N, C-alpha and C. Protein backbone atom coordinates (compact mmCIF):
# COMPACT_ATOMS: atom_id res chain seq x y z
N MET A 1 0.84 -1.19 0.00
CA MET A 1 0.00 0.00 0.00
C MET A 1 0.87 1.23 0.00
N ASP A 2 0.62 2.12 -0.90
CA ASP A 2 1.38 3.36 -1.01
C ASP A 2 0.94 4.30 0.10
N GLY A 3 1.83 4.59 1.05
CA GLY A 3 1.48 5.40 2.19
C GLY A 3 1.22 6.85 1.87
N SER A 4 1.48 7.31 0.66
CA SER A 4 1.33 8.72 0.34
C SER A 4 0.03 9.04 -0.36
N ARG A 5 -0.81 8.03 -0.64
CA ARG A 5 -2.00 8.32 -1.43
C ARG A 5 -3.27 8.00 -0.66
N ARG A 6 -4.34 8.57 -1.15
CA ARG A 6 -5.66 8.28 -0.61
C ARG A 6 -6.21 7.02 -1.25
N PRO A 7 -7.35 6.49 -0.75
CA PRO A 7 -7.88 5.28 -1.34
C PRO A 7 -8.13 5.42 -2.82
N ASN A 8 -7.94 4.31 -3.59
CA ASN A 8 -8.21 4.30 -5.01
C ASN A 8 -9.69 4.38 -5.32
N VAL A 9 -10.52 3.86 -4.40
CA VAL A 9 -11.95 3.86 -4.62
C VAL A 9 -12.52 5.18 -4.12
N PRO A 10 -13.19 5.99 -4.97
CA PRO A 10 -13.76 7.24 -4.53
C PRO A 10 -14.73 7.00 -3.39
N VAL A 11 -14.89 8.04 -2.53
CA VAL A 11 -15.77 7.91 -1.39
C VAL A 11 -17.16 7.51 -1.82
N THR A 12 -17.70 8.14 -2.87
CA THR A 12 -19.06 7.84 -3.30
C THR A 12 -19.16 6.40 -3.77
N SER A 13 -18.12 5.89 -4.45
CA SER A 13 -18.14 4.51 -4.92
C SER A 13 -18.07 3.55 -3.75
N ARG A 14 -17.24 3.88 -2.76
CA ARG A 14 -17.13 3.00 -1.60
C ARG A 14 -18.45 2.93 -0.85
N ARG A 15 -19.13 4.07 -0.73
CA ARG A 15 -20.43 4.06 -0.07
C ARG A 15 -21.44 3.23 -0.86
N ALA A 16 -21.34 3.32 -2.18
CA ALA A 16 -22.26 2.53 -3.00
C ALA A 16 -22.00 1.04 -2.81
N LEU A 17 -20.72 0.67 -2.70
CA LEU A 17 -20.40 -0.73 -2.47
C LEU A 17 -20.94 -1.21 -1.14
N LEU A 18 -20.80 -0.38 -0.11
CA LEU A 18 -21.30 -0.77 1.19
C LEU A 18 -22.81 -0.86 1.19
N ALA A 19 -23.46 0.05 0.45
CA ALA A 19 -24.91 -0.02 0.34
C ALA A 19 -25.31 -1.30 -0.36
N ALA A 20 -24.55 -1.66 -1.39
CA ALA A 20 -24.85 -2.89 -2.11
C ALA A 20 -24.66 -4.10 -1.21
N ALA A 21 -23.68 -4.01 -0.32
CA ALA A 21 -23.44 -5.12 0.60
C ALA A 21 -24.62 -5.34 1.51
N SER A 22 -25.37 -4.27 1.76
CA SER A 22 -26.52 -4.37 2.64
C SER A 22 -27.79 -4.74 1.90
N ALA A 23 -27.72 -4.88 0.58
CA ALA A 23 -28.90 -5.22 -0.20
C ALA A 23 -29.44 -6.56 0.26
N GLY A 24 -30.75 -6.63 0.31
CA GLY A 24 -31.39 -7.85 0.78
C GLY A 24 -31.71 -7.77 2.25
N ALA A 25 -31.16 -6.79 2.96
CA ALA A 25 -31.51 -6.61 4.35
C ALA A 25 -32.86 -5.93 4.43
N VAL A 26 -33.52 -6.08 5.56
CA VAL A 26 -34.78 -5.38 5.77
C VAL A 26 -34.44 -4.00 6.26
N GLY A 27 -34.61 -3.00 5.40
CA GLY A 27 -34.21 -1.65 5.73
C GLY A 27 -32.73 -1.61 6.02
N ALA A 28 -32.33 -0.91 7.11
CA ALA A 28 -30.92 -0.82 7.48
C ALA A 28 -30.59 -1.77 8.62
N VAL A 29 -31.56 -2.63 8.98
CA VAL A 29 -31.41 -3.43 10.18
C VAL A 29 -30.20 -4.35 10.11
N ALA A 30 -29.94 -4.94 8.94
CA ALA A 30 -28.89 -5.95 8.85
C ALA A 30 -27.48 -5.37 8.89
N GLY A 31 -27.32 -4.06 8.75
CA GLY A 31 -25.99 -3.47 8.77
C GLY A 31 -25.22 -3.77 7.50
N CYS A 32 -23.90 -3.88 7.62
CA CYS A 32 -23.04 -4.17 6.47
C CYS A 32 -22.77 -5.66 6.43
N LEU A 33 -23.20 -6.32 5.35
CA LEU A 33 -23.10 -7.77 5.28
C LEU A 33 -21.75 -8.20 4.75
N GLY A 34 -21.21 -9.27 5.33
CA GLY A 34 -19.90 -9.75 4.89
C GLY A 34 -19.48 -11.02 5.56
N GLY A 35 -20.30 -12.06 5.48
CA GLY A 35 -19.95 -13.35 6.05
C GLY A 35 -19.04 -14.13 5.13
N GLY A 36 -18.87 -15.41 5.42
CA GLY A 36 -17.99 -16.25 4.60
C GLY A 36 -16.54 -16.02 4.93
N ASN A 37 -15.67 -16.70 4.23
CA ASN A 37 -14.24 -16.64 4.53
C ASN A 37 -13.45 -15.74 3.59
N SER A 38 -14.15 -15.03 2.68
CA SER A 38 -13.43 -14.21 1.71
C SER A 38 -12.82 -12.96 2.32
N GLY A 39 -13.08 -12.72 3.60
CA GLY A 39 -12.49 -11.56 4.26
C GLY A 39 -11.16 -11.86 4.92
N ASP A 40 -10.64 -13.06 4.77
CA ASP A 40 -9.36 -13.41 5.38
C ASP A 40 -8.24 -12.58 4.74
N GLY A 41 -7.32 -12.10 5.57
CA GLY A 41 -6.23 -11.28 5.06
C GLY A 41 -4.98 -12.09 4.79
N ASP A 42 -4.00 -11.44 4.19
CA ASP A 42 -2.71 -12.05 3.93
C ASP A 42 -1.79 -11.71 5.10
N CYS A 43 -1.60 -12.68 5.98
CA CYS A 43 -0.82 -12.46 7.20
C CYS A 43 0.61 -12.97 7.03
N SER A 44 1.22 -12.63 5.91
CA SER A 44 2.54 -13.18 5.59
C SER A 44 3.67 -12.43 6.27
N GLY A 45 3.43 -11.20 6.72
CA GLY A 45 4.50 -10.43 7.35
C GLY A 45 4.71 -10.83 8.81
N GLU A 46 5.67 -10.19 9.46
CA GLU A 46 5.93 -10.46 10.87
C GLU A 46 4.72 -10.05 11.70
N GLN A 47 4.29 -10.95 12.58
CA GLN A 47 3.05 -10.74 13.31
C GLN A 47 3.28 -10.54 14.81
N ILE A 48 2.42 -9.71 15.40
CA ILE A 48 2.35 -9.52 16.85
C ILE A 48 1.05 -10.16 17.30
N THR A 49 1.13 -11.20 18.10
CA THR A 49 -0.07 -11.95 18.45
C THR A 49 -0.43 -11.88 19.93
N ASP A 50 0.46 -11.31 20.76
CA ASP A 50 0.19 -11.27 22.20
C ASP A 50 -0.61 -10.01 22.56
N LEU A 51 -1.83 -9.93 22.03
CA LEU A 51 -2.66 -8.76 22.24
C LEU A 51 -4.09 -9.21 22.47
N GLU A 52 -4.64 -8.86 23.63
CA GLU A 52 -6.01 -9.20 23.94
C GLU A 52 -6.97 -8.25 23.22
N SER A 53 -8.23 -8.61 23.19
CA SER A 53 -9.22 -7.72 22.58
C SER A 53 -9.35 -6.44 23.40
N PRO A 54 -9.44 -5.29 22.75
CA PRO A 54 -9.60 -4.03 23.48
C PRO A 54 -10.90 -4.05 24.28
N ALA A 55 -10.84 -3.54 25.48
CA ALA A 55 -12.03 -3.59 26.33
C ALA A 55 -12.08 -2.37 27.25
N ARG A 56 -13.29 -2.05 27.65
CA ARG A 56 -13.53 -0.99 28.63
C ARG A 56 -14.39 -1.57 29.73
N GLY A 57 -14.17 -1.09 30.95
CA GLY A 57 -15.00 -1.52 32.06
C GLY A 57 -14.34 -2.59 32.91
N ASP A 58 -14.99 -2.89 34.01
CA ASP A 58 -14.48 -3.85 34.99
C ASP A 58 -14.44 -5.25 34.40
N SER A 59 -13.32 -5.92 34.55
CA SER A 59 -13.19 -7.28 34.02
C SER A 59 -14.15 -8.25 34.72
N ASP A 60 -14.62 -7.87 35.91
CA ASP A 60 -15.56 -8.71 36.65
C ASP A 60 -17.01 -8.24 36.50
N ALA A 61 -17.26 -7.36 35.55
CA ALA A 61 -18.62 -6.85 35.35
C ALA A 61 -19.58 -8.00 35.08
N PRO A 62 -20.79 -7.94 35.59
CA PRO A 62 -21.74 -9.04 35.40
C PRO A 62 -22.27 -9.18 33.98
N VAL A 63 -22.16 -8.12 33.18
CA VAL A 63 -22.66 -8.15 31.80
C VAL A 63 -21.51 -7.81 30.85
N THR A 64 -21.34 -8.62 29.81
CA THR A 64 -20.33 -8.35 28.79
C THR A 64 -21.02 -8.04 27.47
N VAL A 65 -20.67 -6.90 26.91
CA VAL A 65 -21.17 -6.50 25.59
C VAL A 65 -20.01 -6.60 24.62
N THR A 66 -20.11 -7.50 23.66
CA THR A 66 -19.05 -7.73 22.68
C THR A 66 -19.55 -7.27 21.31
N VAL A 67 -18.78 -6.40 20.66
CA VAL A 67 -19.21 -5.79 19.42
C VAL A 67 -18.25 -6.15 18.29
N TYR A 68 -18.76 -6.76 17.23
CA TYR A 68 -17.99 -7.07 16.03
C TYR A 68 -18.18 -5.93 15.04
N SER A 69 -17.06 -5.29 14.65
CA SER A 69 -17.14 -4.06 13.87
C SER A 69 -16.16 -4.04 12.71
N ASP A 70 -16.50 -3.21 11.73
CA ASP A 70 -15.65 -2.93 10.56
C ASP A 70 -15.52 -1.42 10.46
N PHE A 71 -14.30 -0.93 10.39
CA PHE A 71 -14.10 0.52 10.41
C PHE A 71 -14.59 1.22 9.15
N SER A 72 -14.86 0.46 8.08
CA SER A 72 -15.39 1.06 6.86
C SER A 72 -16.91 1.02 6.79
N CYS A 73 -17.54 0.34 7.73
CA CYS A 73 -19.00 0.17 7.70
C CYS A 73 -19.71 1.37 8.31
N PRO A 74 -20.57 2.06 7.56
CA PRO A 74 -21.25 3.23 8.10
C PRO A 74 -22.18 2.89 9.26
N HIS A 75 -22.74 1.68 9.26
CA HIS A 75 -23.60 1.28 10.39
C HIS A 75 -22.77 1.13 11.66
N CYS A 76 -21.51 0.71 11.51
CA CYS A 76 -20.63 0.61 12.67
C CYS A 76 -20.29 1.98 13.23
N ALA A 77 -20.12 2.95 12.34
CA ALA A 77 -19.87 4.32 12.79
C ALA A 77 -21.05 4.84 13.59
N THR A 78 -22.25 4.59 13.09
CA THR A 78 -23.45 5.03 13.80
C THR A 78 -23.54 4.35 15.16
N PHE A 79 -23.23 3.05 15.19
CA PHE A 79 -23.28 2.34 16.47
C PHE A 79 -22.26 2.91 17.45
N ALA A 80 -21.03 3.08 16.99
CA ALA A 80 -19.96 3.53 17.88
C ALA A 80 -20.17 4.95 18.39
N LEU A 81 -20.71 5.81 17.53
CA LEU A 81 -20.81 7.23 17.88
C LEU A 81 -22.14 7.61 18.51
N GLU A 82 -23.20 6.83 18.25
CA GLU A 82 -24.52 7.22 18.74
C GLU A 82 -25.16 6.21 19.68
N LYS A 83 -24.86 4.93 19.51
CA LYS A 83 -25.53 3.90 20.31
C LYS A 83 -24.67 3.43 21.48
N ALA A 84 -23.42 3.11 21.22
CA ALA A 84 -22.54 2.65 22.30
C ALA A 84 -22.43 3.64 23.45
N PRO A 85 -22.41 4.96 23.18
CA PRO A 85 -22.30 5.91 24.30
C PRO A 85 -23.44 5.81 25.31
N THR A 86 -24.58 5.22 24.93
CA THR A 86 -25.67 5.07 25.89
C THR A 86 -25.33 4.08 26.99
N LEU A 87 -24.20 3.36 26.84
CA LEU A 87 -23.77 2.40 27.86
C LEU A 87 -22.72 2.98 28.80
N GLU A 88 -22.39 4.24 28.63
CA GLU A 88 -21.31 4.84 29.42
C GLU A 88 -21.53 4.70 30.93
N ASP A 89 -22.74 4.98 31.40
CA ASP A 89 -22.99 4.88 32.84
C ASP A 89 -22.84 3.44 33.32
N ASP A 90 -23.28 2.48 32.52
CA ASP A 90 -23.16 1.07 32.90
C ASP A 90 -21.70 0.65 32.98
N ILE A 91 -20.88 1.16 32.05
CA ILE A 91 -19.45 0.84 32.07
C ILE A 91 -18.80 1.48 33.28
N ALA A 92 -19.15 2.74 33.55
CA ALA A 92 -18.53 3.47 34.65
C ALA A 92 -18.87 2.88 36.01
N ASP A 93 -20.10 2.37 36.16
CA ASP A 93 -20.48 1.86 37.48
C ASP A 93 -20.15 0.38 37.66
N GLY A 94 -19.46 -0.22 36.67
CA GLY A 94 -18.98 -1.58 36.81
C GLY A 94 -19.97 -2.66 36.43
N ARG A 95 -21.09 -2.28 35.82
CA ARG A 95 -22.08 -3.29 35.45
C ARG A 95 -21.80 -3.92 34.09
N VAL A 96 -21.16 -3.16 33.19
CA VAL A 96 -20.93 -3.64 31.83
C VAL A 96 -19.45 -3.59 31.48
N ARG A 97 -18.98 -4.66 30.86
CA ARG A 97 -17.66 -4.66 30.23
C ARG A 97 -17.90 -4.65 28.72
N TYR A 98 -17.28 -3.70 28.03
CA TYR A 98 -17.50 -3.48 26.59
C TYR A 98 -16.25 -3.95 25.85
N VAL A 99 -16.43 -4.91 24.95
CA VAL A 99 -15.29 -5.55 24.27
C VAL A 99 -15.41 -5.35 22.76
N HIS A 100 -14.31 -4.95 22.14
CA HIS A 100 -14.26 -4.77 20.68
C HIS A 100 -13.70 -6.02 20.02
N ARG A 101 -14.34 -6.43 18.91
CA ARG A 101 -13.81 -7.48 18.05
C ARG A 101 -13.77 -6.95 16.61
N ASP A 102 -12.71 -7.26 15.90
CA ASP A 102 -12.61 -6.85 14.49
C ASP A 102 -13.32 -7.86 13.59
N PHE A 103 -14.09 -7.32 12.65
CA PHE A 103 -14.75 -8.18 11.66
C PHE A 103 -14.75 -7.46 10.32
N PRO A 104 -13.56 -7.36 9.69
CA PRO A 104 -13.49 -6.68 8.38
C PRO A 104 -14.33 -7.44 7.35
N ILE A 105 -15.14 -6.70 6.61
CA ILE A 105 -15.98 -7.35 5.61
C ILE A 105 -15.33 -7.22 4.24
N PRO A 106 -15.52 -8.23 3.38
CA PRO A 106 -14.79 -8.28 2.10
C PRO A 106 -14.96 -7.04 1.23
N VAL A 107 -16.17 -6.47 1.17
CA VAL A 107 -16.40 -5.36 0.26
C VAL A 107 -15.60 -4.12 0.65
N SER A 108 -15.18 -4.03 1.91
CA SER A 108 -14.46 -2.84 2.38
C SER A 108 -12.99 -3.14 2.67
N GLU A 109 -12.47 -4.23 2.10
CA GLU A 109 -11.13 -4.68 2.46
C GLU A 109 -10.03 -3.65 2.19
N GLU A 110 -10.23 -2.72 1.25
CA GLU A 110 -9.13 -1.81 0.92
C GLU A 110 -8.61 -1.08 2.14
N TRP A 111 -9.51 -0.55 2.97
CA TRP A 111 -9.06 0.19 4.14
C TRP A 111 -9.50 -0.43 5.46
N ALA A 112 -10.35 -1.46 5.43
CA ALA A 112 -10.83 -2.05 6.68
C ALA A 112 -9.69 -2.65 7.49
N ARG A 113 -8.88 -3.47 6.86
CA ARG A 113 -7.77 -4.11 7.59
C ARG A 113 -6.66 -3.12 7.96
N PRO A 114 -6.25 -2.22 7.05
CA PRO A 114 -5.28 -1.21 7.48
C PRO A 114 -5.77 -0.40 8.68
N ALA A 115 -7.05 -0.01 8.67
CA ALA A 115 -7.59 0.76 9.80
C ALA A 115 -7.56 -0.06 11.08
N ALA A 116 -7.95 -1.34 10.98
CA ALA A 116 -7.94 -2.19 12.16
C ALA A 116 -6.52 -2.37 12.69
N ASN A 117 -5.54 -2.52 11.81
CA ASN A 117 -4.15 -2.64 12.25
C ASN A 117 -3.66 -1.36 12.88
N ALA A 118 -4.02 -0.22 12.32
CA ALA A 118 -3.62 1.06 12.91
C ALA A 118 -4.19 1.19 14.32
N ALA A 119 -5.46 0.83 14.47
CA ALA A 119 -6.10 0.93 15.78
C ALA A 119 -5.45 -0.02 16.79
N ARG A 120 -5.14 -1.23 16.35
CA ARG A 120 -4.50 -2.17 17.26
C ARG A 120 -3.10 -1.71 17.63
N ALA A 121 -2.44 -0.99 16.73
CA ALA A 121 -1.13 -0.43 17.06
C ALA A 121 -1.26 0.60 18.18
N VAL A 122 -2.32 1.38 18.15
CA VAL A 122 -2.56 2.34 19.23
C VAL A 122 -2.75 1.59 20.55
N GLN A 123 -3.54 0.54 20.51
CA GLN A 123 -3.73 -0.28 21.71
C GLN A 123 -2.40 -0.85 22.19
N TYR A 124 -1.62 -1.39 21.28
CA TYR A 124 -0.36 -2.06 21.62
C TYR A 124 0.66 -1.08 22.20
N HIS A 125 0.77 0.10 21.59
CA HIS A 125 1.79 1.06 22.01
C HIS A 125 1.32 1.98 23.13
N VAL A 126 0.02 2.10 23.33
CA VAL A 126 -0.49 2.99 24.40
C VAL A 126 -1.34 2.15 25.36
N ASP A 127 -2.66 2.11 25.14
CA ASP A 127 -3.51 1.31 26.00
C ASP A 127 -4.91 1.20 25.39
N ASP A 128 -5.77 0.43 26.07
CA ASP A 128 -7.11 0.20 25.55
C ASP A 128 -7.94 1.48 25.50
N ALA A 129 -7.83 2.30 26.53
CA ALA A 129 -8.62 3.53 26.55
C ALA A 129 -8.29 4.41 25.35
N THR A 130 -7.02 4.50 25.01
CA THR A 130 -6.61 5.32 23.87
C THR A 130 -7.06 4.68 22.56
N PHE A 131 -7.10 3.35 22.51
CA PHE A 131 -7.66 2.66 21.35
C PHE A 131 -9.06 3.16 21.05
N PHE A 132 -9.90 3.24 22.06
CA PHE A 132 -11.28 3.65 21.84
C PHE A 132 -11.37 5.14 21.46
N GLU A 133 -10.50 5.97 22.01
CA GLU A 133 -10.45 7.37 21.58
C GLU A 133 -10.07 7.45 20.11
N TYR A 134 -9.08 6.65 19.73
CA TYR A 134 -8.60 6.65 18.35
C TYR A 134 -9.68 6.16 17.39
N THR A 135 -10.35 5.08 17.74
CA THR A 135 -11.36 4.54 16.82
C THR A 135 -12.53 5.50 16.66
N SER A 136 -12.84 6.27 17.69
CA SER A 136 -13.89 7.28 17.54
C SER A 136 -13.52 8.29 16.47
N ARG A 137 -12.25 8.65 16.41
CA ARG A 137 -11.81 9.59 15.37
C ARG A 137 -11.87 8.96 13.99
N LEU A 138 -11.56 7.67 13.90
CA LEU A 138 -11.70 7.00 12.60
C LEU A 138 -13.16 7.01 12.15
N TYR A 139 -14.06 6.71 13.06
CA TYR A 139 -15.48 6.70 12.69
C TYR A 139 -15.99 8.10 12.36
N GLN A 140 -15.53 9.08 13.10
CA GLN A 140 -15.97 10.46 12.85
C GLN A 140 -15.52 10.95 11.48
N ASN A 141 -14.43 10.41 10.98
CA ASN A 141 -13.86 10.82 9.69
C ASN A 141 -13.83 9.66 8.70
N GLN A 142 -14.83 8.82 8.78
CA GLN A 142 -14.83 7.58 8.01
C GLN A 142 -14.71 7.80 6.50
N GLN A 143 -15.24 8.91 6.00
CA GLN A 143 -15.17 9.18 4.56
C GLN A 143 -13.75 9.47 4.10
N ASN A 144 -12.84 9.68 5.06
CA ASN A 144 -11.44 9.98 4.72
C ASN A 144 -10.47 8.89 5.16
N LEU A 145 -10.97 7.67 5.34
CA LEU A 145 -10.06 6.59 5.75
C LEU A 145 -8.86 6.51 4.81
N GLY A 146 -7.68 6.44 5.38
CA GLY A 146 -6.46 6.39 4.60
C GLY A 146 -5.27 6.74 5.47
N THR A 147 -4.11 6.72 4.89
CA THR A 147 -2.88 6.90 5.65
C THR A 147 -2.82 8.23 6.38
N ASP A 148 -3.26 9.30 5.73
CA ASP A 148 -3.21 10.62 6.38
C ASP A 148 -4.06 10.63 7.65
N LEU A 149 -5.26 10.07 7.56
CA LEU A 149 -6.14 10.03 8.73
C LEU A 149 -5.55 9.16 9.82
N PHE A 150 -4.99 8.02 9.46
CA PHE A 150 -4.40 7.14 10.47
C PHE A 150 -3.33 7.90 11.27
N GLY A 151 -2.50 8.65 10.59
CA GLY A 151 -1.46 9.40 11.26
C GLY A 151 -1.98 10.58 12.05
N ASP A 152 -2.90 11.36 11.46
CA ASP A 152 -3.44 12.54 12.14
C ASP A 152 -4.21 12.14 13.40
N ALA A 153 -4.99 11.06 13.30
CA ALA A 153 -5.74 10.60 14.47
C ALA A 153 -4.80 10.12 15.57
N ALA A 154 -3.67 9.52 15.18
CA ALA A 154 -2.67 9.12 16.18
C ALA A 154 -2.12 10.34 16.90
N ASP A 155 -1.84 11.40 16.15
CA ASP A 155 -1.37 12.64 16.77
C ASP A 155 -2.40 13.17 17.76
N ASP A 156 -3.67 13.08 17.40
CA ASP A 156 -4.74 13.61 18.24
C ASP A 156 -4.81 12.93 19.60
N VAL A 157 -4.47 11.65 19.65
CA VAL A 157 -4.58 10.90 20.91
C VAL A 157 -3.22 10.62 21.54
N ASP A 158 -2.18 11.30 21.03
CA ASP A 158 -0.82 11.15 21.56
C ASP A 158 -0.30 9.72 21.45
N ALA A 159 -0.62 9.08 20.34
CA ALA A 159 -0.06 7.77 20.02
C ALA A 159 1.09 7.97 19.02
N PRO A 160 2.03 7.05 18.95
CA PRO A 160 3.19 7.22 18.06
C PRO A 160 2.79 7.11 16.59
N ARG A 161 2.79 8.25 15.92
CA ARG A 161 2.32 8.32 14.54
C ARG A 161 3.04 7.32 13.63
N GLU A 162 4.34 7.29 13.71
CA GLU A 162 5.12 6.44 12.80
C GLU A 162 4.75 4.96 12.99
N ASP A 163 4.60 4.54 14.24
CA ASP A 163 4.26 3.15 14.51
C ASP A 163 2.85 2.81 14.02
N VAL A 164 1.95 3.76 14.16
CA VAL A 164 0.56 3.53 13.75
C VAL A 164 0.46 3.44 12.23
N VAL A 165 1.09 4.37 11.54
CA VAL A 165 1.05 4.36 10.08
C VAL A 165 1.75 3.11 9.54
N SER A 166 2.87 2.76 10.16
CA SER A 166 3.59 1.56 9.74
C SER A 166 2.73 0.31 9.91
N ALA A 167 1.97 0.26 11.00
CA ALA A 167 1.10 -0.89 11.23
C ALA A 167 0.00 -0.98 10.17
N ALA A 168 -0.53 0.17 9.76
CA ALA A 168 -1.54 0.17 8.70
C ALA A 168 -0.97 -0.40 7.41
N GLU A 169 0.30 -0.13 7.15
CA GLU A 169 0.93 -0.59 5.91
C GLU A 169 1.39 -2.04 6.01
N ASP A 170 2.02 -2.42 7.12
CA ASP A 170 2.63 -3.73 7.24
C ASP A 170 1.71 -4.78 7.85
N GLN A 171 0.64 -4.34 8.53
CA GLN A 171 -0.39 -5.20 9.10
C GLN A 171 0.17 -6.27 10.04
N PRO A 172 0.89 -5.87 11.08
CA PRO A 172 1.44 -6.84 12.02
C PRO A 172 0.41 -7.48 12.94
N PHE A 173 -0.82 -6.96 12.92
CA PHE A 173 -1.89 -7.53 13.75
C PHE A 173 -2.89 -8.30 12.90
N CYS A 174 -2.47 -8.67 11.69
CA CYS A 174 -3.34 -9.39 10.77
C CYS A 174 -3.90 -10.67 11.38
N GLU A 175 -3.06 -11.44 12.04
CA GLU A 175 -3.52 -12.71 12.62
C GLU A 175 -4.51 -12.47 13.75
N VAL A 176 -4.25 -11.46 14.57
CA VAL A 176 -5.17 -11.12 15.66
C VAL A 176 -6.54 -10.76 15.09
N ILE A 177 -6.53 -9.95 14.04
CA ILE A 177 -7.77 -9.51 13.41
C ILE A 177 -8.48 -10.68 12.74
N SER A 178 -7.73 -11.53 12.08
CA SER A 178 -8.31 -12.71 11.44
C SER A 178 -8.91 -13.66 12.47
N ASP A 179 -8.26 -13.78 13.62
CA ASP A 179 -8.80 -14.63 14.68
C ASP A 179 -10.13 -14.07 15.18
N ASP A 180 -10.20 -12.74 15.32
CA ASP A 180 -11.46 -12.11 15.72
C ASP A 180 -12.56 -12.44 14.72
N ARG A 181 -12.23 -12.27 13.45
CA ARG A 181 -13.23 -12.52 12.40
C ARG A 181 -13.68 -13.98 12.40
N GLN A 182 -12.74 -14.90 12.54
CA GLN A 182 -13.11 -16.31 12.56
C GLN A 182 -13.98 -16.63 13.77
N GLU A 183 -13.64 -16.06 14.90
CA GLU A 183 -14.47 -16.25 16.09
C GLU A 183 -15.89 -15.76 15.82
N GLY A 184 -16.00 -14.62 15.15
CA GLY A 184 -17.31 -14.10 14.82
C GLY A 184 -18.07 -15.04 13.91
N LEU A 185 -17.41 -15.54 12.87
CA LEU A 185 -18.06 -16.49 11.97
C LEU A 185 -18.53 -17.71 12.73
N ASP A 186 -17.71 -18.20 13.66
CA ASP A 186 -18.07 -19.36 14.44
C ASP A 186 -19.30 -19.09 15.32
N ARG A 187 -19.49 -17.82 15.68
CA ARG A 187 -20.64 -17.46 16.52
C ARG A 187 -21.86 -17.08 15.69
N GLY A 188 -21.73 -17.14 14.36
CA GLY A 188 -22.87 -16.85 13.50
C GLY A 188 -22.93 -15.42 12.98
N VAL A 189 -21.85 -14.66 13.16
CA VAL A 189 -21.83 -13.28 12.67
C VAL A 189 -21.78 -13.28 11.14
N GLU A 190 -22.65 -12.50 10.53
CA GLU A 190 -22.71 -12.39 9.07
C GLU A 190 -22.48 -10.97 8.58
N GLY A 191 -22.38 -10.03 9.48
CA GLY A 191 -22.18 -8.64 9.09
C GLY A 191 -21.92 -7.79 10.32
N THR A 192 -21.80 -6.49 10.08
CA THR A 192 -21.47 -5.57 11.17
C THR A 192 -22.44 -4.40 11.19
N PRO A 193 -22.67 -3.82 12.38
CA PRO A 193 -22.21 -4.30 13.67
C PRO A 193 -23.09 -5.43 14.20
N THR A 194 -22.45 -6.45 14.73
CA THR A 194 -23.17 -7.51 15.45
C THR A 194 -22.73 -7.46 16.90
N VAL A 195 -23.71 -7.46 17.78
CA VAL A 195 -23.47 -7.26 19.21
C VAL A 195 -23.94 -8.48 19.98
N PHE A 196 -23.11 -8.93 20.90
CA PHE A 196 -23.52 -9.98 21.83
C PHE A 196 -23.62 -9.38 23.22
N VAL A 197 -24.79 -9.47 23.81
CA VAL A 197 -24.97 -9.08 25.20
C VAL A 197 -25.01 -10.39 25.98
N ASP A 198 -23.89 -10.73 26.60
CA ASP A 198 -23.67 -12.08 27.10
C ASP A 198 -23.93 -13.04 25.94
N GLY A 199 -24.92 -13.90 25.98
CA GLY A 199 -25.12 -14.85 24.90
C GLY A 199 -26.11 -14.43 23.85
N GLU A 200 -26.76 -13.28 24.02
CA GLU A 200 -27.80 -12.84 23.10
C GLU A 200 -27.20 -12.04 21.94
N MET A 201 -27.48 -12.48 20.70
CA MET A 201 -26.94 -11.80 19.53
C MET A 201 -27.94 -10.78 19.00
N LEU A 202 -27.44 -9.57 18.76
CA LEU A 202 -28.23 -8.48 18.21
C LEU A 202 -27.53 -7.98 16.96
N VAL A 203 -28.25 -7.91 15.85
CA VAL A 203 -27.67 -7.44 14.59
C VAL A 203 -28.05 -5.99 14.38
N ASN A 204 -27.04 -5.11 14.38
CA ASN A 204 -27.26 -3.67 14.21
C ASN A 204 -28.44 -3.20 15.06
N PRO A 205 -28.36 -3.38 16.37
CA PRO A 205 -29.52 -3.08 17.21
C PRO A 205 -29.81 -1.60 17.32
N SER A 206 -31.07 -1.29 17.56
CA SER A 206 -31.45 0.07 17.91
C SER A 206 -31.00 0.34 19.34
N VAL A 207 -31.01 1.60 19.72
CA VAL A 207 -30.67 1.95 21.11
C VAL A 207 -31.62 1.25 22.06
N GLU A 208 -32.90 1.20 21.69
CA GLU A 208 -33.90 0.59 22.56
C GLU A 208 -33.63 -0.91 22.74
N ASP A 209 -33.30 -1.60 21.64
CA ASP A 209 -33.04 -3.04 21.74
C ASP A 209 -31.75 -3.31 22.52
N LEU A 210 -30.74 -2.48 22.31
CA LEU A 210 -29.49 -2.63 23.05
C LEU A 210 -29.73 -2.43 24.53
N ARG A 211 -30.49 -1.38 24.85
CA ARG A 211 -30.79 -1.07 26.25
C ARG A 211 -31.58 -2.20 26.91
N ALA A 212 -32.56 -2.74 26.19
CA ALA A 212 -33.38 -3.81 26.73
C ALA A 212 -32.56 -5.05 27.00
N ALA A 213 -31.63 -5.36 26.08
CA ALA A 213 -30.80 -6.55 26.24
C ALA A 213 -29.87 -6.41 27.46
N VAL A 214 -29.28 -5.23 27.61
CA VAL A 214 -28.39 -4.99 28.74
C VAL A 214 -29.17 -5.02 30.05
N ASP A 215 -30.32 -4.36 30.08
CA ASP A 215 -31.12 -4.32 31.30
C ASP A 215 -31.64 -5.70 31.67
N GLY A 216 -31.88 -6.54 30.66
CA GLY A 216 -32.43 -7.86 30.93
C GLY A 216 -31.38 -8.93 31.18
N ALA A 217 -30.12 -8.62 30.94
CA ALA A 217 -29.06 -9.61 31.10
C ALA A 217 -28.95 -10.04 32.55
N GLY A 218 -28.87 -11.34 32.75
CA GLY A 218 -28.71 -11.87 34.10
C GLY A 218 -29.99 -12.07 34.85
N GLU A 219 -31.10 -11.67 34.24
CA GLU A 219 -32.38 -11.84 34.94
C GLU A 219 -32.87 -13.27 34.83
C-alpha cells in the first residue's frame, strides 16, 4: 500500500459498495453484510499476536457487551458514535464490560484491515482507553479513511504516529484480526455491527433493543 495516497476507490463509490453489501436486508437493520471466509487477510508479514481484545470496564462486570465491527462500515460508525455511548454509565459503574472485536468485511477490504491494524497499534503502544479514543476519530472521519487520517488521528490521541502508520501498511496484527473474524463467523456473525450481550446476539440493534438486552441480562 502506497502510504502517500488516498484510497483508489472514490468515497461515493465505496459508499455505493457498502450499500450494495446491505442489499437484501430489511431496511438498514442488517448493517453491512460480509460473512464467509473471503475476508481473510494475507498475514505473511511479521506478526504480533500477544494482544487481547480491546475492552472498557471492569473485568468482573456481570454483563459483557461484545461488538464485532468494521471501520469502513457506516452502520458501525453510527453504532460507535450514537448507540454505544448510551452504555457509558453502565461501564462506569462496573455493570458492563465493553469488548471490541474486528470483523473486516470483504467489500471494504481496501481500508478495513489497514484501519484495524492502525487501531490495534494504538492499543499495543499505548492502551485500551486510547484505542477507543482513536477509533472514535476513525469513525468520525470515516469518509477519509487512509494513511493521512491514520497518522493525524494518532497525533490527536498522543499515540506514536510512525508506529501507527507503519502498522496500517505492514499489518502486524493481521492474525489477531483474522482470529477475531473467525471467532465471529463461528458465533454466527454475518455482518457488522453484530453485538452480543452475554449470549444474546443483536444485529445492528437500535438503542432501545441494546438497552433492553443490557437491562435484561442476568435476569
